[in-house]
Amino acid sequence: SGGGKKKIIIIIGLVFLIIVGGVAGAYFMGLLDPVVEMIVGPEDATGGEGEGEDDEACKEGEEAECAAVFYDLQELLVNLNSGGRKSSFLKIRVSLELASARDKAKMDTIMPRVIDNFQTYLRELRIADLKGSAGMYRLREELLVRVNAAAAPAKIKDVLFKEMLIQ
């Protein structure tokens, strides 16, 4: 009878650890961000950083800080991964929407890294990866992740396509 109680306690302990581990993993992977934002509100979810500061500046009447800031990248022309068949090219021009005007100077200094990240990623794409609006959406999201990683702590809100030509 004493061994049965120990087994139940061990099983309950293991289940508890698995649940806590799953919740912690989901939190650190960012899967719980919408839930946290819903509970504490969008301003508190950022921890007082990032967009919260910009919102305060907008309330104080600093319109120059509130206006959308765009940063145009140079035209990129890359070979697409065609698997040895006929060469295909992608010509793309994008504009980055910055979170604030202060991030423009940071973009000037890290632009070679951003271009390198984009070139490396774009060269691995196939024509099938770019088909339809879903392909464009995936491309936009991937470029946004890459530019935010290179530009941290500066924040890029969006990647806007000015021109995209597949040949």
N, C-alpha and C. Protein backbone atom coordinates (compact mmCIF):
# COMPACT_ATOMS: atom_id res chain seq x y z
N SER A 1 0.82 -1.19 0.00
CA SER A 1 0.00 0.00 0.00
C SER A 1 0.86 1.25 0.00
N GLY A 2 2.00 1.22 0.72
CA GLY A 2 2.90 2.38 0.78
C GLY A 2 3.56 2.64 -0.56
N GLY A 3 3.83 1.55 -1.32
CA GLY A 3 4.44 1.70 -2.65
C GLY A 3 3.49 2.31 -3.64
N GLY A 4 2.18 2.05 -3.49
CA GLY A 4 1.17 2.61 -4.38
C GLY A 4 1.04 4.11 -4.23
N LYS A 5 1.14 4.59 -2.98
CA LYS A 5 1.06 6.03 -2.73
C LYS A 5 2.26 6.75 -3.33
N LYS A 6 3.44 6.13 -3.23
CA LYS A 6 4.64 6.73 -3.79
C LYS A 6 4.53 6.85 -5.31
N LYS A 7 3.98 5.81 -5.95
CA LYS A 7 3.81 5.83 -7.40
C LYS A 7 2.86 6.94 -7.82
N ILE A 8 1.78 7.11 -7.08
CA ILE A 8 0.81 8.16 -7.40
C ILE A 8 1.46 9.54 -7.24
N ILE A 9 2.22 9.73 -6.17
CA ILE A 9 2.91 11.01 -5.95
C ILE A 9 3.91 11.27 -7.06
N ILE A 10 4.66 10.26 -7.47
CA ILE A 10 5.64 10.42 -8.55
C ILE A 10 4.93 10.76 -9.86
N ILE A 11 3.85 10.08 -10.17
CA ILE A 11 3.10 10.34 -11.40
C ILE A 11 2.53 11.75 -11.40
N ILE A 12 1.95 12.17 -10.27
CA ILE A 12 1.41 13.54 -10.17
C ILE A 12 2.54 14.56 -10.33
N GLY A 13 3.67 14.29 -9.71
CA GLY A 13 4.83 15.19 -9.83
C GLY A 13 5.32 15.30 -11.27
N LEU A 14 5.38 14.17 -11.97
CA LEU A 14 5.82 14.19 -13.37
C LEU A 14 4.84 14.94 -14.26
N VAL A 15 3.55 14.72 -14.06
CA VAL A 15 2.54 15.43 -14.83
C VAL A 15 2.66 16.94 -14.58
N PHE A 16 2.84 17.32 -13.32
CA PHE A 16 3.01 18.73 -12.97
C PHE A 16 4.23 19.32 -13.66
N LEU A 17 5.37 18.61 -13.63
CA LEU A 17 6.59 19.10 -14.29
C LEU A 17 6.40 19.24 -15.80
N ILE A 18 5.71 18.30 -16.41
CA ILE A 18 5.46 18.37 -17.85
C ILE A 18 4.60 19.58 -18.19
N ILE A 19 3.57 19.82 -17.39
CA ILE A 19 2.70 20.98 -17.64
C ILE A 19 3.48 22.28 -17.46
N VAL A 20 4.24 22.39 -16.37
CA VAL A 20 5.03 23.61 -16.12
C VAL A 20 6.06 23.79 -17.23
N GLY A 21 6.71 22.72 -17.65
CA GLY A 21 7.69 22.81 -18.74
C GLY A 21 7.05 23.24 -20.04
N GLY A 22 5.87 22.72 -20.34
CA GLY A 22 5.16 23.11 -21.56
C GLY A 22 4.76 24.57 -21.56
N VAL A 23 4.25 25.04 -20.42
CA VAL A 23 3.86 26.45 -20.31
C VAL A 23 5.10 27.35 -20.43
N ALA A 24 6.18 26.98 -19.75
CA ALA A 24 7.41 27.78 -19.82
C ALA A 24 7.95 27.80 -21.25
N GLY A 25 7.94 26.67 -21.92
CA GLY A 25 8.40 26.61 -23.31
C GLY A 25 7.55 27.47 -24.22
N ALA A 26 6.24 27.42 -24.05
CA ALA A 26 5.34 28.24 -24.87
C ALA A 26 5.57 29.72 -24.60
N TYR A 27 5.82 30.08 -23.35
CA TYR A 27 6.07 31.48 -23.00
C TYR A 27 7.34 31.98 -23.66
N PHE A 28 8.43 31.22 -23.56
CA PHE A 28 9.70 31.67 -24.11
C PHE A 28 9.73 31.62 -25.63
N MET A 29 8.90 30.82 -26.25
CA MET A 29 8.82 30.79 -27.72
C MET A 29 7.89 31.88 -28.23
N GLY A 30 7.23 32.59 -27.34
CA GLY A 30 6.36 33.69 -27.74
C GLY A 30 4.94 33.27 -28.06
N LEU A 31 4.60 32.02 -27.81
CA LEU A 31 3.26 31.55 -28.13
C LEU A 31 2.21 32.10 -27.18
N LEU A 32 2.64 32.54 -26.01
CA LEU A 32 1.70 33.08 -25.03
C LEU A 32 1.60 34.60 -25.07
N ASP A 33 2.33 35.26 -25.98
CA ASP A 33 2.29 36.73 -26.06
C ASP A 33 0.88 37.27 -26.24
N PRO A 34 0.05 36.70 -27.13
CA PRO A 34 -1.31 37.23 -27.25
C PRO A 34 -2.11 37.08 -25.95
N VAL A 35 -1.89 35.99 -25.23
CA VAL A 35 -2.61 35.79 -23.97
C VAL A 35 -2.14 36.80 -22.93
N VAL A 36 -0.82 37.00 -22.83
CA VAL A 36 -0.28 37.97 -21.88
C VAL A 36 -0.77 39.37 -22.23
N GLU A 37 -0.76 39.71 -23.52
CA GLU A 37 -1.22 41.02 -23.95
C GLU A 37 -2.69 41.22 -23.63
N MET A 38 -3.48 40.17 -23.77
CA MET A 38 -4.90 40.26 -23.47
C MET A 38 -5.14 40.48 -21.97
N ILE A 39 -4.30 39.88 -21.14
CA ILE A 39 -4.47 39.99 -19.69
C ILE A 39 -3.97 41.33 -19.16
N VAL A 40 -2.73 41.73 -19.54
CA VAL A 40 -2.12 42.94 -18.96
C VAL A 40 -2.29 44.16 -19.83
N GLY A 41 -2.74 44.01 -21.06
CA GLY A 41 -2.90 45.15 -21.96
C GLY A 41 -1.69 45.31 -22.84
N PRO A 42 -1.84 45.93 -24.01
CA PRO A 42 -0.75 46.03 -24.97
C PRO A 42 0.41 46.89 -24.49
N GLU A 43 0.16 47.93 -23.68
CA GLU A 43 1.26 48.79 -23.24
C GLU A 43 2.17 48.07 -22.26
N ASP A 44 1.58 47.30 -21.35
CA ASP A 44 2.36 46.63 -20.33
C ASP A 44 3.05 45.39 -20.86
N ALA A 45 2.56 44.79 -21.94
CA ALA A 45 3.13 43.56 -22.48
C ALA A 45 4.53 43.78 -23.02
N THR A 46 4.86 45.02 -23.46
CA THR A 46 6.19 45.29 -24.00
C THR A 46 7.19 45.56 -22.90
N GLY A 47 6.75 45.62 -21.67
CA GLY A 47 7.66 45.87 -20.58
C GLY A 47 8.11 47.31 -20.53
N GLY A 48 7.34 48.23 -21.09
CA GLY A 48 7.71 49.64 -21.05
C GLY A 48 8.70 50.02 -22.11
N GLU A 49 8.98 49.15 -23.05
CA GLU A 49 9.94 49.46 -24.10
C GLU A 49 9.24 49.55 -25.43
N GLY A 50 9.97 49.99 -26.42
CA GLY A 50 9.47 49.95 -27.80
C GLY A 50 8.34 50.88 -28.05
N GLU A 51 7.20 50.36 -28.50
CA GLU A 51 6.10 51.17 -28.96
C GLU A 51 5.47 51.98 -27.85
N GLY A 52 5.60 51.57 -26.60
CA GLY A 52 5.04 52.32 -25.50
C GLY A 52 5.63 53.72 -25.43
N GLU A 53 6.94 53.85 -25.65
CA GLU A 53 7.58 55.16 -25.65
C GLU A 53 7.07 56.01 -26.79
N ASP A 54 6.90 55.42 -27.95
CA ASP A 54 6.42 56.17 -29.11
C ASP A 54 5.00 56.67 -28.88
N ASP A 55 4.16 55.86 -28.23
CA ASP A 55 2.80 56.29 -27.95
C ASP A 55 2.79 57.50 -27.03
N GLU A 56 3.69 57.52 -26.03
CA GLU A 56 3.76 58.66 -25.13
C GLU A 56 4.20 59.90 -25.88
N ALA A 57 5.17 59.77 -26.78
CA ALA A 57 5.63 60.91 -27.56
C ALA A 57 4.51 61.45 -28.43
N CYS A 58 3.68 60.55 -28.99
CA CYS A 58 2.56 60.97 -29.83
C CYS A 58 1.54 61.74 -29.01
N LYS A 59 1.30 61.32 -27.77
CA LYS A 59 0.33 61.99 -26.92
C LYS A 59 0.80 63.39 -26.54
N GLU A 60 2.13 63.56 -26.44
CA GLU A 60 2.68 64.86 -26.04
C GLU A 60 2.71 65.83 -27.21
N GLY A 61 2.35 65.38 -28.39
CA GLY A 61 2.25 66.30 -29.53
C GLY A 61 3.48 66.34 -30.41
N GLU A 62 4.41 65.44 -30.25
CA GLU A 62 5.58 65.41 -31.11
C GLU A 62 5.21 64.69 -32.40
N GLU A 63 4.61 65.41 -33.34
CA GLU A 63 4.09 64.79 -34.55
C GLU A 63 5.20 64.23 -35.43
N ALA A 64 6.39 64.82 -35.39
CA ALA A 64 7.49 64.32 -36.21
C ALA A 64 7.85 62.89 -35.82
N GLU A 65 7.73 62.57 -34.54
CA GLU A 65 8.03 61.22 -34.08
C GLU A 65 6.92 60.24 -34.42
N CYS A 66 5.69 60.73 -34.60
CA CYS A 66 4.54 59.87 -34.82
C CYS A 66 4.33 59.52 -36.29
N ALA A 67 4.83 60.35 -37.18
CA ALA A 67 4.62 60.12 -38.61
C ALA A 67 5.34 58.85 -39.04
N ALA A 68 4.75 58.16 -40.00
CA ALA A 68 5.37 56.95 -40.52
C ALA A 68 6.71 57.31 -41.16
N VAL A 69 7.72 56.49 -40.88
CA VAL A 69 9.06 56.71 -41.42
C VAL A 69 9.39 55.52 -42.30
N PHE A 70 9.74 55.81 -43.55
CA PHE A 70 10.06 54.74 -44.50
C PHE A 70 11.51 54.84 -44.91
N TYR A 71 12.13 53.68 -45.11
CA TYR A 71 13.53 53.60 -45.51
C TYR A 71 13.59 52.73 -46.76
N ASP A 72 14.00 53.31 -47.88
CA ASP A 72 14.07 52.56 -49.14
C ASP A 72 15.39 51.82 -49.25
N LEU A 73 15.30 50.56 -49.60
CA LEU A 73 16.50 49.77 -49.85
C LEU A 73 16.83 49.84 -51.33
N GLN A 74 18.08 49.58 -51.63
CA GLN A 74 18.49 49.54 -53.02
C GLN A 74 17.82 48.36 -53.72
N GLU A 75 17.76 48.43 -55.03
CA GLU A 75 17.18 47.34 -55.82
C GLU A 75 18.05 46.09 -55.68
N LEU A 76 17.40 44.95 -55.47
CA LEU A 76 18.11 43.68 -55.36
C LEU A 76 17.79 42.83 -56.58
N LEU A 77 18.82 42.26 -57.19
CA LEU A 77 18.66 41.36 -58.32
C LEU A 77 19.41 40.08 -57.99
N VAL A 78 18.68 38.97 -57.87
CA VAL A 78 19.30 37.71 -57.46
C VAL A 78 18.85 36.58 -58.38
N ASN A 79 19.71 35.57 -58.51
CA ASN A 79 19.34 34.32 -59.18
C ASN A 79 18.47 33.53 -58.21
N LEU A 80 17.40 32.95 -58.72
CA LEU A 80 16.58 32.07 -57.90
C LEU A 80 17.12 30.65 -58.01
N ASN A 81 16.83 29.84 -57.03
CA ASN A 81 17.24 28.44 -57.02
C ASN A 81 16.36 27.69 -58.02
N SER A 82 16.92 27.39 -59.18
CA SER A 82 16.14 26.74 -60.23
C SER A 82 16.46 25.25 -60.34
N GLY A 83 17.31 24.75 -59.49
CA GLY A 83 17.62 23.32 -59.50
C GLY A 83 18.36 22.88 -60.74
N GLY A 84 19.18 23.74 -61.31
CA GLY A 84 19.97 23.38 -62.48
C GLY A 84 19.30 23.64 -63.80
N ARG A 85 18.02 23.99 -63.79
CA ARG A 85 17.32 24.29 -65.04
C ARG A 85 17.70 25.69 -65.49
N LYS A 86 16.90 26.21 -66.41
CA LYS A 86 17.09 27.55 -66.93
C LYS A 86 17.17 28.56 -65.78
N SER A 87 18.06 29.54 -65.91
CA SER A 87 18.23 30.55 -64.87
C SER A 87 16.98 31.40 -64.73
N SER A 88 16.61 31.67 -63.49
CA SER A 88 15.50 32.57 -63.18
C SER A 88 16.03 33.65 -62.26
N PHE A 89 15.49 34.85 -62.43
CA PHE A 89 15.95 35.98 -61.65
C PHE A 89 14.79 36.62 -60.90
N LEU A 90 15.11 37.21 -59.77
CA LEU A 90 14.15 37.98 -58.99
C LEU A 90 14.72 39.38 -58.83
N LYS A 91 13.94 40.35 -59.28
CA LYS A 91 14.30 41.76 -59.09
C LYS A 91 13.29 42.31 -58.10
N ILE A 92 13.79 42.88 -57.01
CA ILE A 92 12.89 43.33 -55.96
C ILE A 92 13.38 44.65 -55.37
N ARG A 93 12.43 45.53 -55.11
CA ARG A 93 12.70 46.79 -54.40
C ARG A 93 11.74 46.85 -53.23
N VAL A 94 12.28 47.06 -52.05
CA VAL A 94 11.44 47.12 -50.86
C VAL A 94 11.69 48.40 -50.09
N SER A 95 10.71 48.75 -49.31
CA SER A 95 10.79 49.88 -48.40
C SER A 95 10.47 49.36 -47.01
N LEU A 96 11.22 49.80 -46.03
CA LEU A 96 11.01 49.36 -44.66
C LEU A 96 10.27 50.45 -43.89
N GLU A 97 9.24 50.07 -43.16
CA GLU A 97 8.55 51.02 -42.29
C GLU A 97 9.17 50.93 -40.90
N LEU A 98 9.80 52.02 -40.49
CA LEU A 98 10.49 52.06 -39.21
C LEU A 98 9.54 52.50 -38.10
N ALA A 99 9.83 52.07 -36.89
CA ALA A 99 8.99 52.43 -35.75
C ALA A 99 9.14 53.90 -35.38
N SER A 100 10.33 54.47 -35.60
CA SER A 100 10.52 55.88 -35.28
C SER A 100 11.63 56.46 -36.15
N ALA A 101 11.68 57.77 -36.22
CA ALA A 101 12.70 58.45 -37.01
C ALA A 101 14.09 58.21 -36.44
N ARG A 102 14.17 57.91 -35.16
CA ARG A 102 15.48 57.66 -34.53
C ARG A 102 16.15 56.42 -35.11
N ASP A 103 15.37 55.49 -35.66
CA ASP A 103 15.92 54.24 -36.18
C ASP A 103 16.58 54.41 -37.55
N LYS A 104 16.38 55.56 -38.19
CA LYS A 104 16.93 55.77 -39.53
C LYS A 104 18.46 55.75 -39.52
N ALA A 105 19.08 56.37 -38.52
CA ALA A 105 20.55 56.38 -38.42
C ALA A 105 21.08 54.97 -38.20
N LYS A 106 20.38 54.19 -37.39
CA LYS A 106 20.78 52.80 -37.14
C LYS A 106 20.72 52.00 -38.44
N MET A 107 19.70 52.25 -39.27
CA MET A 107 19.57 51.53 -40.54
C MET A 107 20.74 51.84 -41.47
N ASP A 108 21.21 53.09 -41.46
CA ASP A 108 22.35 53.45 -42.31
C ASP A 108 23.58 52.63 -41.95
N THR A 109 23.79 52.40 -40.66
CA THR A 109 25.00 51.70 -40.24
C THR A 109 24.92 50.19 -40.47
N ILE A 110 23.74 49.61 -40.43
CA ILE A 110 23.63 48.15 -40.56
C ILE A 110 23.16 47.70 -41.94
N MET A 111 23.01 48.64 -42.87
CA MET A 111 22.46 48.29 -44.18
C MET A 111 23.24 47.18 -44.89
N PRO A 112 24.58 47.16 -44.86
CA PRO A 112 25.27 46.04 -45.51
C PRO A 112 24.86 44.67 -44.96
N ARG A 113 24.63 44.59 -43.66
CA ARG A 113 24.21 43.32 -43.05
C ARG A 113 22.80 42.94 -43.51
N VAL A 114 21.91 43.93 -43.58
CA VAL A 114 20.53 43.67 -44.02
C VAL A 114 20.53 43.18 -45.46
N ILE A 115 21.27 43.85 -46.33
CA ILE A 115 21.35 43.45 -47.74
C ILE A 115 21.91 42.04 -47.86
N ASP A 116 22.94 41.73 -47.09
CA ASP A 116 23.52 40.39 -47.12
C ASP A 116 22.50 39.34 -46.67
N ASN A 117 21.77 39.61 -45.60
CA ASN A 117 20.74 38.67 -45.12
C ASN A 117 19.67 38.45 -46.19
N PHE A 118 19.24 39.53 -46.82
CA PHE A 118 18.21 39.43 -47.86
C PHE A 118 18.73 38.64 -49.05
N GLN A 119 19.94 38.96 -49.52
CA GLN A 119 20.52 38.29 -50.69
C GLN A 119 20.65 36.79 -50.42
N THR A 120 21.17 36.44 -49.27
CA THR A 120 21.36 35.03 -48.93
C THR A 120 20.03 34.28 -48.93
N TYR A 121 19.02 34.88 -48.33
CA TYR A 121 17.71 34.24 -48.28
C TYR A 121 17.07 34.15 -49.66
N LEU A 122 17.10 35.24 -50.41
CA LEU A 122 16.42 35.29 -51.70
C LEU A 122 17.02 34.31 -52.71
N ARG A 123 18.33 34.08 -52.63
CA ARG A 123 18.97 33.16 -53.57
C ARG A 123 18.53 31.71 -53.37
N GLU A 124 18.02 31.38 -52.20
CA GLU A 124 17.56 30.02 -51.93
C GLU A 124 16.10 29.78 -52.34
N LEU A 125 15.39 30.84 -52.69
CA LEU A 125 13.99 30.70 -53.07
C LEU A 125 13.83 30.05 -54.44
N ARG A 126 12.72 29.35 -54.62
CA ARG A 126 12.34 28.81 -55.92
C ARG A 126 11.17 29.64 -56.44
N ILE A 127 10.90 29.55 -57.72
CA ILE A 127 9.78 30.29 -58.30
C ILE A 127 8.48 29.88 -57.62
N ALA A 128 8.35 28.60 -57.30
CA ALA A 128 7.12 28.11 -56.65
C ALA A 128 6.91 28.76 -55.28
N ASP A 129 8.00 29.15 -54.61
CA ASP A 129 7.89 29.79 -53.30
C ASP A 129 7.24 31.17 -53.38
N LEU A 130 7.27 31.78 -54.56
CA LEU A 130 6.81 33.16 -54.72
C LEU A 130 5.44 33.26 -55.38
N LYS A 131 4.82 32.13 -55.66
CA LYS A 131 3.54 32.15 -56.38
C LYS A 131 2.40 32.60 -55.47
N GLY A 132 1.55 33.44 -56.02
CA GLY A 132 0.33 33.85 -55.34
C GLY A 132 0.54 34.80 -54.18
N SER A 133 -0.56 35.19 -53.59
CA SER A 133 -0.50 36.12 -52.47
C SER A 133 0.10 35.45 -51.23
N ALA A 134 -0.09 34.15 -51.09
CA ALA A 134 0.50 33.44 -49.95
C ALA A 134 2.02 33.46 -50.02
N GLY A 135 2.57 33.33 -51.23
CA GLY A 135 4.01 33.41 -51.41
C GLY A 135 4.55 34.79 -51.06
N MET A 136 3.82 35.81 -51.48
CA MET A 136 4.22 37.19 -51.16
C MET A 136 4.16 37.42 -49.65
N TYR A 137 3.13 36.91 -49.01
CA TYR A 137 2.98 37.07 -47.57
C TYR A 137 4.13 36.40 -46.83
N ARG A 138 4.46 35.15 -47.23
CA ARG A 138 5.57 34.43 -46.58
C ARG A 138 6.88 35.16 -46.79
N LEU A 139 7.09 35.69 -48.00
CA LEU A 139 8.31 36.44 -48.28
C LEU A 139 8.38 37.68 -47.40
N ARG A 140 7.29 38.42 -47.29
CA ARG A 140 7.25 39.63 -46.46
C ARG A 140 7.58 39.28 -45.00
N GLU A 141 6.96 38.24 -44.48
CA GLU A 141 7.18 37.85 -43.08
C GLU A 141 8.63 37.43 -42.85
N GLU A 142 9.20 36.67 -43.78
CA GLU A 142 10.58 36.22 -43.63
C GLU A 142 11.55 37.39 -43.69
N LEU A 143 11.34 38.31 -44.61
CA LEU A 143 12.21 39.49 -44.70
C LEU A 143 12.08 40.35 -43.44
N LEU A 144 10.88 40.46 -42.90
CA LEU A 144 10.67 41.24 -41.68
C LEU A 144 11.42 40.62 -40.50
N VAL A 145 11.37 39.32 -40.38
CA VAL A 145 12.10 38.64 -39.30
C VAL A 145 13.60 38.88 -39.46
N ARG A 146 14.10 38.77 -40.68
CA ARG A 146 15.53 38.93 -40.91
C ARG A 146 16.00 40.36 -40.66
N VAL A 147 15.23 41.35 -41.10
CA VAL A 147 15.65 42.73 -40.90
C VAL A 147 15.55 43.12 -39.43
N ASN A 148 14.56 42.63 -38.71
CA ASN A 148 14.47 42.94 -37.28
C ASN A 148 15.60 42.29 -36.50
N ALA A 149 16.03 41.11 -36.91
CA ALA A 149 17.16 40.45 -36.24
C ALA A 149 18.44 41.24 -36.46
N ALA A 150 18.63 41.76 -37.67
CA ALA A 150 19.84 42.52 -37.97
C ALA A 150 19.82 43.91 -37.35
N ALA A 151 18.64 44.50 -37.22
CA ALA A 151 18.53 45.90 -36.79
C ALA A 151 18.32 46.06 -35.29
N ALA A 152 18.16 44.98 -34.56
CA ALA A 152 17.87 45.10 -33.12
C ALA A 152 18.90 46.00 -32.45
N PRO A 153 18.50 46.88 -31.59
CA PRO A 153 17.21 47.07 -30.94
C PRO A 153 16.23 47.96 -31.72
N ALA A 154 16.65 48.48 -32.88
CA ALA A 154 15.71 49.25 -33.70
C ALA A 154 14.57 48.32 -34.13
N LYS A 155 13.39 48.89 -34.31
CA LYS A 155 12.20 48.08 -34.64
C LYS A 155 11.70 48.46 -36.02
N ILE A 156 11.55 47.46 -36.88
CA ILE A 156 10.98 47.67 -38.21
C ILE A 156 9.56 47.11 -38.15
N LYS A 157 8.58 47.95 -38.49
CA LYS A 157 7.17 47.55 -38.40
C LYS A 157 6.74 46.68 -39.57
N ASP A 158 7.23 47.01 -40.79
CA ASP A 158 6.72 46.30 -41.95
C ASP A 158 7.72 46.37 -43.09
N VAL A 159 7.60 45.41 -44.00
CA VAL A 159 8.36 45.39 -45.25
C VAL A 159 7.35 45.60 -46.36
N LEU A 160 7.55 46.64 -47.15
CA LEU A 160 6.61 46.99 -48.22
C LEU A 160 7.28 46.74 -49.56
N PHE A 161 6.60 46.05 -50.46
CA PHE A 161 7.14 45.78 -51.79
C PHE A 161 6.83 46.94 -52.71
N LYS A 162 7.89 47.54 -53.28
CA LYS A 162 7.69 48.61 -54.25
C LYS A 162 7.67 48.03 -55.67
N GLU A 163 8.50 47.01 -55.87
CA GLU A 163 8.57 46.37 -57.18
C GLU A 163 9.05 44.94 -56.97
N MET A 164 8.44 44.02 -57.73
CA MET A 164 8.87 42.63 -57.67
C MET A 164 8.66 42.02 -59.04
N LEU A 165 9.75 41.55 -59.63
CA LEU A 165 9.70 41.00 -60.97
C LEU A 165 10.43 39.67 -60.97
N ILE A 166 9.76 38.64 -61.47
CA ILE A 166 10.38 37.31 -61.60
C ILE A 166 10.53 37.04 -63.07
N GLN A 167 11.74 36.70 -63.48
CA GLN A 167 12.00 36.46 -64.89
C GLN A 167 12.67 35.12 -65.07
